[in-house]
N, C-alpha and C. Protein backbone atom coordinates (compact mmCIF):
# COMPACT_ATOMS: atom_id res chain seq x y z
N UNK A 1 8.46 66.95 33.38
CA UNK A 1 8.58 66.57 31.99
C UNK A 1 8.42 65.06 31.81
N UNK A 2 8.99 64.33 32.73
CA UNK A 2 8.90 62.87 32.64
C UNK A 2 7.49 62.37 32.94
N UNK A 3 6.80 63.08 33.82
CA UNK A 3 5.45 62.66 34.19
C UNK A 3 4.48 62.66 32.99
N UNK A 4 4.42 63.69 32.14
CA UNK A 4 3.51 63.65 30.99
C UNK A 4 3.85 62.51 30.01
N UNK A 5 5.12 62.18 29.85
CA UNK A 5 5.51 61.10 28.95
C UNK A 5 5.00 59.76 29.49
N UNK A 6 5.12 59.56 30.80
CA UNK A 6 4.66 58.31 31.40
C UNK A 6 3.14 58.19 31.30
N UNK A 7 2.45 59.29 31.54
CA UNK A 7 0.99 59.28 31.45
C UNK A 7 0.55 58.97 30.01
N UNK A 8 1.21 59.59 29.05
CA UNK A 8 0.88 59.34 27.65
C UNK A 8 1.15 57.88 27.28
N UNK A 9 2.27 57.35 27.72
CA UNK A 9 2.61 55.95 27.45
C UNK A 9 1.58 55.00 28.07
N UNK A 10 1.15 55.28 29.30
CA UNK A 10 0.13 54.44 29.94
C UNK A 10 -1.20 54.52 29.20
N UNK A 11 -1.55 55.67 28.68
CA UNK A 11 -2.80 55.81 27.93
C UNK A 11 -2.75 54.99 26.65
N UNK A 12 -1.62 55.02 25.97
CA UNK A 12 -1.49 54.25 24.73
C UNK A 12 -1.56 52.76 25.03
N UNK A 13 -0.89 52.30 26.06
CA UNK A 13 -0.93 50.88 26.41
C UNK A 13 -2.33 50.46 26.84
N UNK A 14 -3.02 51.29 27.60
CA UNK A 14 -4.37 50.97 28.03
C UNK A 14 -5.32 50.91 26.85
N UNK A 15 -5.19 51.83 25.92
CA UNK A 15 -6.06 51.82 24.73
C UNK A 15 -5.78 50.58 23.88
N UNK A 16 -4.53 50.17 23.78
CA UNK A 16 -4.19 48.98 23.01
C UNK A 16 -4.75 47.72 23.64
N UNK A 17 -4.69 47.62 24.98
CA UNK A 17 -5.23 46.43 25.63
C UNK A 17 -6.75 46.41 25.59
N UNK A 18 -7.40 47.59 25.63
CA UNK A 18 -8.87 47.65 25.51
C UNK A 18 -9.29 47.21 24.11
N UNK A 19 -8.51 47.61 23.10
CA UNK A 19 -8.82 47.19 21.75
C UNK A 19 -8.65 45.68 21.62
N UNK A 20 -7.63 45.13 22.27
CA UNK A 20 -7.41 43.69 22.21
C UNK A 20 -8.56 42.94 22.89
N UNK A 21 -9.12 43.51 23.96
CA UNK A 21 -10.25 42.86 24.62
C UNK A 21 -11.50 42.90 23.74
N UNK A 22 -11.68 43.99 23.00
CA UNK A 22 -12.85 44.08 22.14
C UNK A 22 -12.74 43.14 20.95
N UNK A 23 -11.58 42.84 20.45
CA UNK A 23 -11.39 42.08 19.22
C UNK A 23 -11.00 40.63 19.50
N UNK A 24 -11.44 40.05 20.58
CA UNK A 24 -11.11 38.65 20.86
C UNK A 24 -11.92 37.72 19.95
N UNK A 25 -11.49 36.48 19.88
CA UNK A 25 -12.25 35.49 19.09
C UNK A 25 -13.61 35.30 19.73
N UNK A 26 -14.63 35.35 18.92
CA UNK A 26 -15.98 35.19 19.42
C UNK A 26 -16.24 33.71 19.66
N UNK A 27 -16.53 33.31 20.92
CA UNK A 27 -16.72 31.89 21.19
C UNK A 27 -18.04 31.33 20.67
N UNK A 28 -18.91 32.17 20.14
CA UNK A 28 -20.18 31.69 19.61
C UNK A 28 -19.96 31.33 18.15
N UNK A 29 -20.06 30.06 17.78
CA UNK A 29 -19.82 29.68 16.39
C UNK A 29 -20.77 30.38 15.43
N UNK A 30 -20.26 30.71 14.27
CA UNK A 30 -21.00 31.30 13.17
C UNK A 30 -21.52 32.71 13.45
N UNK A 31 -20.98 33.40 14.46
CA UNK A 31 -21.32 34.81 14.60
C UNK A 31 -20.07 35.57 14.16
N UNK A 32 -20.20 36.34 13.14
CA UNK A 32 -19.04 36.93 12.50
C UNK A 32 -18.89 38.39 12.89
N UNK A 33 -17.66 38.75 13.23
CA UNK A 33 -17.34 40.13 13.54
C UNK A 33 -16.79 40.78 12.29
N UNK A 34 -17.02 42.08 12.14
CA UNK A 34 -16.49 42.75 10.96
C UNK A 34 -14.97 42.81 10.99
N UNK A 35 -14.37 42.75 9.84
CA UNK A 35 -12.92 42.84 9.73
C UNK A 35 -12.58 44.07 8.88
N UNK A 36 -11.36 44.52 8.98
CA UNK A 36 -10.93 45.68 8.24
C UNK A 36 -9.52 45.46 7.73
N UNK A 37 -9.19 46.10 6.62
CA UNK A 37 -7.83 46.00 6.12
C UNK A 37 -6.87 46.76 7.02
N UNK A 38 -7.40 47.58 7.94
CA UNK A 38 -6.55 48.34 8.86
C UNK A 38 -6.31 47.61 10.17
N UNK A 39 -6.91 46.42 10.35
CA UNK A 39 -6.64 45.64 11.56
C UNK A 39 -5.19 45.22 11.57
N UNK A 40 -4.63 45.11 12.76
CA UNK A 40 -3.21 44.75 12.88
C UNK A 40 -2.98 43.25 12.83
N UNK A 41 -4.03 42.48 12.77
CA UNK A 41 -3.91 41.03 12.73
C UNK A 41 -4.99 40.45 11.84
N UNK A 42 -4.88 39.19 11.48
CA UNK A 42 -5.90 38.59 10.62
C UNK A 42 -7.27 38.60 11.30
N UNK A 43 -8.30 38.50 10.49
CA UNK A 43 -9.67 38.56 10.99
C UNK A 43 -10.06 37.27 11.69
N UNK A 44 -10.97 37.39 12.64
CA UNK A 44 -11.63 36.21 13.17
C UNK A 44 -12.37 35.61 12.00
N UNK A 45 -12.46 34.41 11.75
CA UNK A 45 -12.35 33.25 12.58
C UNK A 45 -11.08 32.45 12.37
N UNK A 46 -10.14 32.91 11.57
CA UNK A 46 -9.03 32.05 11.22
C UNK A 46 -7.80 32.28 12.09
N UNK A 47 -7.85 33.18 13.04
CA UNK A 47 -6.66 33.52 13.79
C UNK A 47 -6.81 33.12 15.25
N UNK A 48 -5.87 32.38 15.77
CA UNK A 48 -5.80 32.04 17.18
C UNK A 48 -4.38 32.30 17.65
N UNK A 49 -4.24 32.68 18.90
CA UNK A 49 -2.93 32.99 19.42
C UNK A 49 -2.80 32.45 20.83
N UNK A 50 -1.58 32.15 21.24
CA UNK A 50 -1.34 31.72 22.61
C UNK A 50 -1.53 32.87 23.58
N UNK A 51 -1.56 34.10 23.07
CA UNK A 51 -1.74 35.27 23.92
C UNK A 51 -3.21 35.64 24.11
N UNK A 52 -4.12 34.98 23.40
CA UNK A 52 -5.55 35.26 23.56
C UNK A 52 -6.04 34.63 24.85
N UNK A 53 -6.93 35.34 25.51
CA UNK A 53 -7.56 34.78 26.70
C UNK A 53 -8.81 34.03 26.26
N UNK A 54 -9.10 32.93 26.91
CA UNK A 54 -10.29 32.17 26.56
C UNK A 54 -10.00 31.14 25.48
N UNK A 55 -11.03 30.40 25.13
CA UNK A 55 -10.84 29.33 24.14
C UNK A 55 -10.63 29.88 22.74
N UNK A 56 -9.91 29.12 21.96
CA UNK A 56 -9.68 29.47 20.56
C UNK A 56 -10.57 28.54 19.73
N UNK A 57 -11.61 29.11 19.15
CA UNK A 57 -12.55 28.30 18.38
C UNK A 57 -12.60 28.85 16.96
N UNK A 58 -11.79 28.31 16.06
CA UNK A 58 -11.89 28.78 14.68
C UNK A 58 -13.22 28.36 14.08
N UNK A 59 -13.80 29.21 13.28
CA UNK A 59 -15.08 28.91 12.67
C UNK A 59 -14.86 28.33 11.28
N UNK A 60 -15.69 27.39 10.91
CA UNK A 60 -15.61 26.76 9.60
C UNK A 60 -16.91 27.07 8.89
N UNK A 61 -16.82 27.54 7.68
CA UNK A 61 -18.01 27.90 6.93
C UNK A 61 -18.52 26.69 6.17
N UNK A 62 -19.58 26.06 6.68
CA UNK A 62 -20.18 24.92 6.01
C UNK A 62 -21.27 25.43 5.07
N UNK A 63 -21.12 25.23 3.78
CA UNK A 63 -22.13 25.78 2.88
C UNK A 63 -23.47 25.05 2.96
N UNK A 64 -23.49 23.83 3.46
CA UNK A 64 -24.72 23.06 3.51
C UNK A 64 -25.15 22.75 4.94
N UNK A 65 -24.60 23.41 5.90
CA UNK A 65 -24.93 23.10 7.28
C UNK A 65 -23.95 22.08 7.84
N UNK A 66 -24.06 21.84 9.13
CA UNK A 66 -23.11 20.93 9.76
C UNK A 66 -23.33 19.50 9.31
N UNK A 67 -24.57 19.10 9.15
CA UNK A 67 -24.87 17.77 8.65
C UNK A 67 -25.22 17.85 7.18
N UNK A 68 -24.79 16.88 6.44
CA UNK A 68 -25.14 16.81 5.02
C UNK A 68 -26.49 16.11 4.91
N UNK A 69 -27.51 16.82 4.48
CA UNK A 69 -28.85 16.28 4.39
C UNK A 69 -29.36 16.44 2.97
N UNK A 70 -30.05 15.41 2.50
CA UNK A 70 -30.51 15.37 1.12
C UNK A 70 -31.87 14.71 1.07
N UNK A 71 -32.76 15.23 0.24
CA UNK A 71 -34.05 14.60 -0.03
C UNK A 71 -34.05 14.11 -1.46
N UNK A 72 -34.39 12.85 -1.64
CA UNK A 72 -34.46 12.26 -2.98
C UNK A 72 -35.90 11.83 -3.21
N UNK A 73 -36.51 12.39 -4.24
CA UNK A 73 -37.87 12.02 -4.61
C UNK A 73 -37.81 11.05 -5.77
N UNK A 74 -38.73 10.10 -5.79
CA UNK A 74 -38.75 9.10 -6.86
C UNK A 74 -39.05 9.76 -8.20
N UNK A 75 -40.00 10.67 -8.22
CA UNK A 75 -40.32 11.44 -9.42
C UNK A 75 -39.81 12.86 -9.19
N UNK A 76 -38.74 13.26 -9.91
CA UNK A 76 -38.18 14.60 -9.66
C UNK A 76 -39.18 15.70 -9.98
N UNK A 77 -39.19 16.75 -9.18
CA UNK A 77 -40.08 17.88 -9.48
C UNK A 77 -39.66 18.55 -10.79
N UNK A 78 -40.63 19.17 -11.46
CA UNK A 78 -40.31 19.87 -12.70
C UNK A 78 -39.33 20.99 -12.39
N UNK A 79 -38.37 21.15 -13.25
CA UNK A 79 -37.35 22.17 -13.05
C UNK A 79 -36.13 21.68 -12.29
N UNK A 80 -36.23 20.52 -11.64
CA UNK A 80 -35.09 19.97 -10.90
C UNK A 80 -34.52 18.73 -11.56
N UNK A 81 -34.87 18.48 -12.79
CA UNK A 81 -34.39 17.27 -13.47
C UNK A 81 -32.87 17.28 -13.61
N UNK A 82 -32.27 18.46 -13.75
CA UNK A 82 -30.81 18.53 -13.89
C UNK A 82 -30.11 18.06 -12.62
N UNK A 83 -30.74 18.23 -11.47
CA UNK A 83 -30.14 17.79 -10.21
C UNK A 83 -30.15 16.27 -10.06
N UNK A 84 -30.89 15.58 -10.93
CA UNK A 84 -31.00 14.13 -10.86
C UNK A 84 -30.17 13.45 -11.95
N UNK A 85 -29.31 14.19 -12.62
CA UNK A 85 -28.46 13.61 -13.66
C UNK A 85 -27.07 13.35 -13.11
N UNK A 86 -26.54 12.20 -13.45
CA UNK A 86 -25.23 11.77 -12.96
C UNK A 86 -24.13 12.63 -13.59
N UNK A 87 -23.22 13.17 -12.79
CA UNK A 87 -22.10 13.93 -13.35
C UNK A 87 -21.18 13.03 -14.15
N UNK A 88 -20.59 13.58 -15.19
CA UNK A 88 -19.72 12.80 -16.07
C UNK A 88 -18.25 13.00 -15.73
N UNK A 89 -17.96 13.36 -14.51
CA UNK A 89 -16.58 13.59 -14.07
C UNK A 89 -16.45 13.12 -12.62
N UNK A 90 -15.24 13.13 -12.10
CA UNK A 90 -15.05 12.78 -10.70
C UNK A 90 -15.79 13.79 -9.83
N UNK A 91 -16.32 13.32 -8.73
CA UNK A 91 -17.11 14.18 -7.85
C UNK A 91 -16.18 15.14 -7.12
N UNK A 92 -16.43 16.44 -7.33
CA UNK A 92 -15.54 17.46 -6.76
C UNK A 92 -16.26 18.38 -5.78
N UNK A 93 -17.59 18.40 -5.81
CA UNK A 93 -18.34 19.27 -4.91
C UNK A 93 -19.45 18.46 -4.24
N UNK A 94 -20.05 19.05 -3.22
CA UNK A 94 -21.16 18.40 -2.55
C UNK A 94 -22.35 18.32 -3.49
N UNK A 95 -22.52 19.32 -4.35
CA UNK A 95 -23.59 19.27 -5.35
C UNK A 95 -23.42 18.09 -6.29
N UNK A 96 -22.17 17.80 -6.69
CA UNK A 96 -21.90 16.61 -7.52
C UNK A 96 -22.26 15.33 -6.77
N UNK A 97 -21.91 15.27 -5.50
CA UNK A 97 -22.23 14.09 -4.69
C UNK A 97 -23.74 13.90 -4.61
N UNK A 98 -24.47 14.98 -4.36
CA UNK A 98 -25.92 14.87 -4.25
C UNK A 98 -26.53 14.44 -5.58
N UNK A 99 -26.04 14.97 -6.69
CA UNK A 99 -26.55 14.57 -8.00
C UNK A 99 -26.29 13.09 -8.25
N UNK A 100 -25.12 12.61 -7.88
CA UNK A 100 -24.78 11.19 -8.05
C UNK A 100 -25.71 10.32 -7.21
N UNK A 101 -25.94 10.70 -5.96
CA UNK A 101 -26.82 9.91 -5.10
C UNK A 101 -28.26 9.92 -5.60
N UNK A 102 -28.70 11.07 -6.12
CA UNK A 102 -30.07 11.13 -6.68
C UNK A 102 -30.20 10.23 -7.90
N UNK A 103 -29.17 10.23 -8.75
CA UNK A 103 -29.25 9.44 -9.98
C UNK A 103 -29.19 7.94 -9.69
N UNK A 104 -28.68 7.54 -8.56
CA UNK A 104 -28.57 6.11 -8.22
C UNK A 104 -29.89 5.51 -7.75
N UNK A 105 -30.80 6.32 -7.26
CA UNK A 105 -32.01 5.81 -6.62
C UNK A 105 -32.93 5.10 -7.59
N UNK A 106 -33.27 3.88 -7.24
CA UNK A 106 -34.32 3.14 -7.97
C UNK A 106 -35.23 2.54 -6.90
N UNK A 107 -36.50 2.93 -6.89
CA UNK A 107 -37.43 2.51 -5.84
C UNK A 107 -37.83 1.05 -5.99
N UNK A 108 -38.49 0.50 -4.98
CA UNK A 108 -38.97 -0.88 -5.10
C UNK A 108 -40.10 -0.99 -6.13
N UNK A 109 -40.37 -2.20 -6.56
CA UNK A 109 -41.45 -2.44 -7.53
C UNK A 109 -42.76 -1.89 -7.00
N UNK A 110 -43.65 -1.56 -7.91
CA UNK A 110 -44.93 -0.94 -7.53
C UNK A 110 -45.78 -1.85 -6.64
N UNK A 111 -45.68 -3.18 -6.84
CA UNK A 111 -46.51 -4.08 -6.02
C UNK A 111 -46.04 -4.16 -4.57
N UNK A 112 -44.75 -3.83 -4.31
CA UNK A 112 -44.23 -3.85 -2.94
C UNK A 112 -44.13 -2.45 -2.34
N UNK A 113 -44.47 -1.43 -3.14
CA UNK A 113 -44.30 -0.04 -2.71
C UNK A 113 -45.58 0.50 -2.09
N UNK A 114 -45.43 1.66 -1.49
CA UNK A 114 -46.58 2.35 -0.89
C UNK A 114 -46.47 3.82 -1.26
N UNK A 115 -47.55 4.37 -1.76
CA UNK A 115 -47.57 5.77 -2.17
C UNK A 115 -47.36 6.67 -0.96
N UNK A 116 -46.45 7.64 -1.11
CA UNK A 116 -46.17 8.58 -0.03
C UNK A 116 -45.21 8.06 1.02
N UNK A 117 -44.65 6.88 0.82
CA UNK A 117 -43.72 6.31 1.78
C UNK A 117 -42.47 7.16 1.89
N UNK A 118 -42.00 7.38 3.11
CA UNK A 118 -40.75 8.09 3.36
C UNK A 118 -39.88 7.25 4.26
N UNK A 119 -38.59 7.23 3.93
CA UNK A 119 -37.61 6.54 4.77
C UNK A 119 -36.32 7.34 4.75
N UNK A 120 -35.75 7.54 5.93
CA UNK A 120 -34.49 8.26 6.05
C UNK A 120 -33.41 7.32 6.54
N UNK A 121 -32.23 7.44 5.95
CA UNK A 121 -31.08 6.64 6.37
C UNK A 121 -29.91 7.58 6.63
N UNK A 122 -28.97 7.07 7.40
CA UNK A 122 -27.77 7.85 7.75
C UNK A 122 -26.57 6.94 7.59
N UNK A 123 -25.51 7.47 6.97
CA UNK A 123 -24.29 6.68 6.75
C UNK A 123 -23.14 7.64 6.51
N UNK A 124 -21.96 7.08 6.34
CA UNK A 124 -20.75 7.88 6.05
C UNK A 124 -19.95 7.19 4.96
N UNK A 125 -19.19 8.00 4.24
CA UNK A 125 -18.28 7.49 3.23
C UNK A 125 -16.86 7.49 3.77
N UNK A 126 -16.04 6.59 3.24
CA UNK A 126 -14.62 6.67 3.52
C UNK A 126 -13.95 7.49 2.41
N UNK A 127 -12.67 7.70 2.53
CA UNK A 127 -11.94 8.56 1.60
C UNK A 127 -11.97 8.05 0.16
N UNK A 128 -12.07 6.73 -0.01
CA UNK A 128 -12.02 6.17 -1.35
C UNK A 128 -13.41 6.01 -1.99
N UNK A 129 -14.48 6.50 -1.33
CA UNK A 129 -15.81 6.47 -1.92
C UNK A 129 -16.66 5.29 -1.54
N UNK A 130 -16.21 4.46 -0.62
CA UNK A 130 -17.02 3.34 -0.13
C UNK A 130 -17.76 3.73 1.14
N UNK A 131 -18.69 2.87 1.54
CA UNK A 131 -19.45 3.13 2.77
C UNK A 131 -18.68 2.66 3.99
N UNK A 132 -18.84 3.40 5.08
CA UNK A 132 -18.34 2.96 6.38
C UNK A 132 -19.53 2.32 7.08
N UNK A 133 -19.70 1.05 6.94
CA UNK A 133 -20.83 0.36 7.54
C UNK A 133 -22.10 0.53 6.72
N UNK A 134 -23.11 -0.27 7.01
CA UNK A 134 -24.37 -0.18 6.26
C UNK A 134 -25.17 1.04 6.68
N UNK A 135 -26.05 1.53 5.80
CA UNK A 135 -26.92 2.65 6.17
C UNK A 135 -27.84 2.27 7.33
N UNK A 136 -28.03 3.21 8.24
CA UNK A 136 -28.88 2.99 9.40
C UNK A 136 -30.19 3.76 9.22
N UNK A 137 -31.31 3.10 9.40
CA UNK A 137 -32.61 3.74 9.25
C UNK A 137 -32.85 4.65 10.45
N UNK A 138 -33.19 5.91 10.17
CA UNK A 138 -33.49 6.85 11.24
C UNK A 138 -34.96 7.24 11.26
N UNK A 139 -35.68 6.99 10.17
CA UNK A 139 -37.11 7.30 10.13
C UNK A 139 -37.77 6.46 9.05
N UNK A 140 -38.99 6.03 9.34
CA UNK A 140 -39.85 5.37 8.35
C UNK A 140 -41.27 5.85 8.62
N UNK A 141 -42.07 5.98 7.59
CA UNK A 141 -43.44 6.43 7.74
C UNK A 141 -44.16 5.55 8.74
N UNK A 142 -44.81 6.15 9.74
CA UNK A 142 -45.49 5.34 10.76
C UNK A 142 -46.66 4.55 10.18
N UNK A 143 -46.90 3.39 10.77
CA UNK A 143 -48.03 2.57 10.38
C UNK A 143 -47.82 1.73 9.14
N UNK A 144 -46.60 1.69 8.63
CA UNK A 144 -46.30 0.91 7.43
C UNK A 144 -45.91 -0.50 7.86
N UNK A 145 -46.42 -1.53 7.17
CA UNK A 145 -46.06 -2.90 7.53
C UNK A 145 -44.55 -3.15 7.41
N UNK A 146 -44.08 -4.11 8.16
CA UNK A 146 -42.65 -4.42 8.20
C UNK A 146 -42.12 -4.86 6.84
N UNK A 147 -42.92 -5.60 6.06
CA UNK A 147 -42.44 -6.05 4.76
C UNK A 147 -42.24 -4.88 3.79
N UNK A 148 -43.06 -3.84 3.91
CA UNK A 148 -42.88 -2.65 3.07
C UNK A 148 -41.62 -1.89 3.47
N UNK A 149 -41.40 -1.75 4.77
CA UNK A 149 -40.16 -1.10 5.24
C UNK A 149 -38.94 -1.87 4.78
N UNK A 150 -39.01 -3.19 4.85
CA UNK A 150 -37.89 -4.02 4.39
C UNK A 150 -37.66 -3.86 2.90
N UNK A 151 -38.73 -3.78 2.11
CA UNK A 151 -38.60 -3.59 0.66
C UNK A 151 -37.90 -2.26 0.35
N UNK A 152 -38.24 -1.21 1.06
CA UNK A 152 -37.60 0.09 0.83
C UNK A 152 -36.14 0.08 1.30
N UNK A 153 -35.87 -0.54 2.43
CA UNK A 153 -34.48 -0.60 2.89
C UNK A 153 -33.63 -1.42 1.91
N UNK A 154 -34.18 -2.51 1.39
CA UNK A 154 -33.45 -3.30 0.39
C UNK A 154 -33.21 -2.50 -0.88
N UNK A 155 -34.19 -1.70 -1.30
CA UNK A 155 -34.02 -0.86 -2.49
C UNK A 155 -32.95 0.21 -2.26
N UNK A 156 -32.92 0.79 -1.07
CA UNK A 156 -31.90 1.80 -0.74
C UNK A 156 -30.52 1.16 -0.77
N UNK A 157 -30.38 0.01 -0.13
CA UNK A 157 -29.07 -0.68 -0.11
C UNK A 157 -28.63 -1.07 -1.51
N UNK A 158 -29.56 -1.59 -2.33
CA UNK A 158 -29.22 -1.99 -3.70
C UNK A 158 -28.82 -0.78 -4.54
N UNK A 159 -29.52 0.33 -4.37
CA UNK A 159 -29.19 1.54 -5.13
C UNK A 159 -27.82 2.07 -4.77
N UNK A 160 -27.52 2.08 -3.48
CA UNK A 160 -26.19 2.56 -3.07
C UNK A 160 -25.10 1.60 -3.53
N UNK A 161 -25.33 0.30 -3.41
CA UNK A 161 -24.33 -0.68 -3.83
C UNK A 161 -24.05 -0.58 -5.33
N UNK A 162 -25.07 -0.23 -6.13
CA UNK A 162 -24.88 -0.11 -7.58
C UNK A 162 -23.98 1.08 -7.93
N UNK A 163 -23.95 2.09 -7.10
CA UNK A 163 -23.15 3.29 -7.38
C UNK A 163 -21.74 3.23 -6.80
N UNK A 164 -21.54 2.38 -5.82
CA UNK A 164 -20.26 2.40 -5.10
C UNK A 164 -19.18 1.63 -5.84
N UNK A 165 -17.93 1.99 -5.67
CA UNK A 165 -17.45 3.16 -4.93
C UNK A 165 -17.60 4.42 -5.77
N UNK A 166 -17.92 5.50 -5.10
CA UNK A 166 -18.03 6.79 -5.78
C UNK A 166 -16.63 7.29 -6.10
N UNK A 167 -16.51 8.02 -7.18
CA UNK A 167 -15.21 8.54 -7.63
C UNK A 167 -15.02 9.96 -7.12
N UNK A 168 -14.49 10.09 -5.90
CA UNK A 168 -14.22 11.39 -5.30
C UNK A 168 -12.87 11.92 -5.79
N UNK A 169 -12.77 13.24 -5.90
CA UNK A 169 -11.44 13.84 -6.05
C UNK A 169 -10.78 13.77 -4.67
N UNK A 170 -9.48 13.98 -4.62
CA UNK A 170 -8.77 13.90 -3.35
C UNK A 170 -9.30 14.88 -2.31
N UNK A 171 -9.62 16.10 -2.75
CA UNK A 171 -10.10 17.11 -1.82
C UNK A 171 -11.46 16.76 -1.24
N UNK A 172 -12.40 16.33 -2.08
CA UNK A 172 -13.73 15.99 -1.58
C UNK A 172 -13.69 14.72 -0.74
N UNK A 173 -12.89 13.75 -1.15
CA UNK A 173 -12.78 12.53 -0.36
C UNK A 173 -12.25 12.80 1.04
N UNK A 174 -11.26 13.68 1.14
CA UNK A 174 -10.73 14.03 2.46
C UNK A 174 -11.73 14.82 3.29
N UNK A 175 -12.51 15.67 2.64
CA UNK A 175 -13.47 16.49 3.37
C UNK A 175 -14.68 15.69 3.83
N UNK A 176 -15.08 14.66 3.07
CA UNK A 176 -16.28 13.90 3.41
C UNK A 176 -16.02 12.68 4.29
N UNK A 177 -14.80 12.24 4.34
CA UNK A 177 -14.49 10.99 5.04
C UNK A 177 -14.98 11.04 6.48
N UNK A 178 -15.90 10.15 6.81
CA UNK A 178 -16.39 10.03 8.17
C UNK A 178 -17.52 10.98 8.53
N UNK A 179 -17.85 11.94 7.68
CA UNK A 179 -18.93 12.88 8.00
C UNK A 179 -20.27 12.21 7.72
N UNK A 180 -21.22 12.32 8.66
CA UNK A 180 -22.52 11.68 8.45
C UNK A 180 -23.33 12.36 7.35
N UNK A 181 -23.99 11.54 6.56
CA UNK A 181 -24.87 12.01 5.50
C UNK A 181 -26.24 11.41 5.76
N UNK A 182 -27.26 12.25 5.78
CA UNK A 182 -28.63 11.80 6.00
C UNK A 182 -29.41 11.99 4.70
N UNK A 183 -30.05 10.94 4.24
CA UNK A 183 -30.85 11.01 3.02
C UNK A 183 -32.28 10.61 3.35
N UNK A 184 -33.22 11.45 2.92
CA UNK A 184 -34.64 11.15 3.06
C UNK A 184 -35.17 10.77 1.68
N UNK A 185 -35.63 9.54 1.55
CA UNK A 185 -36.20 9.04 0.31
C UNK A 185 -37.71 9.21 0.38
N UNK A 186 -38.29 9.82 -0.65
CA UNK A 186 -39.73 10.05 -0.70
C UNK A 186 -40.26 9.39 -1.97
N UNK A 187 -41.20 8.45 -1.80
CA UNK A 187 -41.82 7.80 -2.94
C UNK A 187 -43.08 8.57 -3.31
N UNK A 188 -42.95 9.47 -4.26
CA UNK A 188 -44.07 10.32 -4.66
C UNK A 188 -44.72 9.86 -5.96
N UNK A 189 -44.53 8.57 -6.31
CA UNK A 189 -45.17 8.04 -7.50
C UNK A 189 -46.68 7.90 -7.28
N UNK A 190 -47.43 7.98 -8.34
CA UNK A 190 -48.86 7.70 -8.28
C UNK A 190 -49.03 6.21 -8.56
N UNK A 191 -49.19 5.43 -7.50
CA UNK A 191 -49.23 3.98 -7.63
C UNK A 191 -50.64 3.47 -7.92
N UNK A 192 -51.65 4.31 -7.75
CA UNK A 192 -53.02 3.91 -8.05
C UNK A 192 -53.58 2.86 -7.13
N UNK A 193 -53.06 2.80 -5.88
CA UNK A 193 -53.55 1.79 -4.93
C UNK A 193 -54.65 2.39 -4.08
């Protein structure tokens, strides 16, 4: 009589540990396992335990990717004009931040500009909406003279300085502080040169 009870108890324990092995935190970021309301514990990616084997890697859902990347065109495409208008409130979302940065851009004068010029910069904001160091150039159109590159970098710095400090809400300021932002500026004006 005691033997069947022990066998049944061992089967239940073995099935429970096999289920625990199947439902471990997935160490591959952004691969999501299905969850159910019948699970005995919270769903991956928000649950970690000292009893789990292996690393505990909670997943964070970045709506715009790990890096914040933005393209700003000098002449906005038709249908995207609303994305280039400055928000009339404190910046609360990444979309608000991007709209503010787009509205700040003023390219260099036509005599110092080059049609089709592209320049990318990378920088970070602090919690209060100021820059952490000057923007660093990560790309410039090849074959462009140094004075043209300097004119575009000066225009980028002047445009950012005119907008700073940005008015972040507490939540957005805390979320963006120190995160790198990459902006690609594209001069798509018809300069007639």
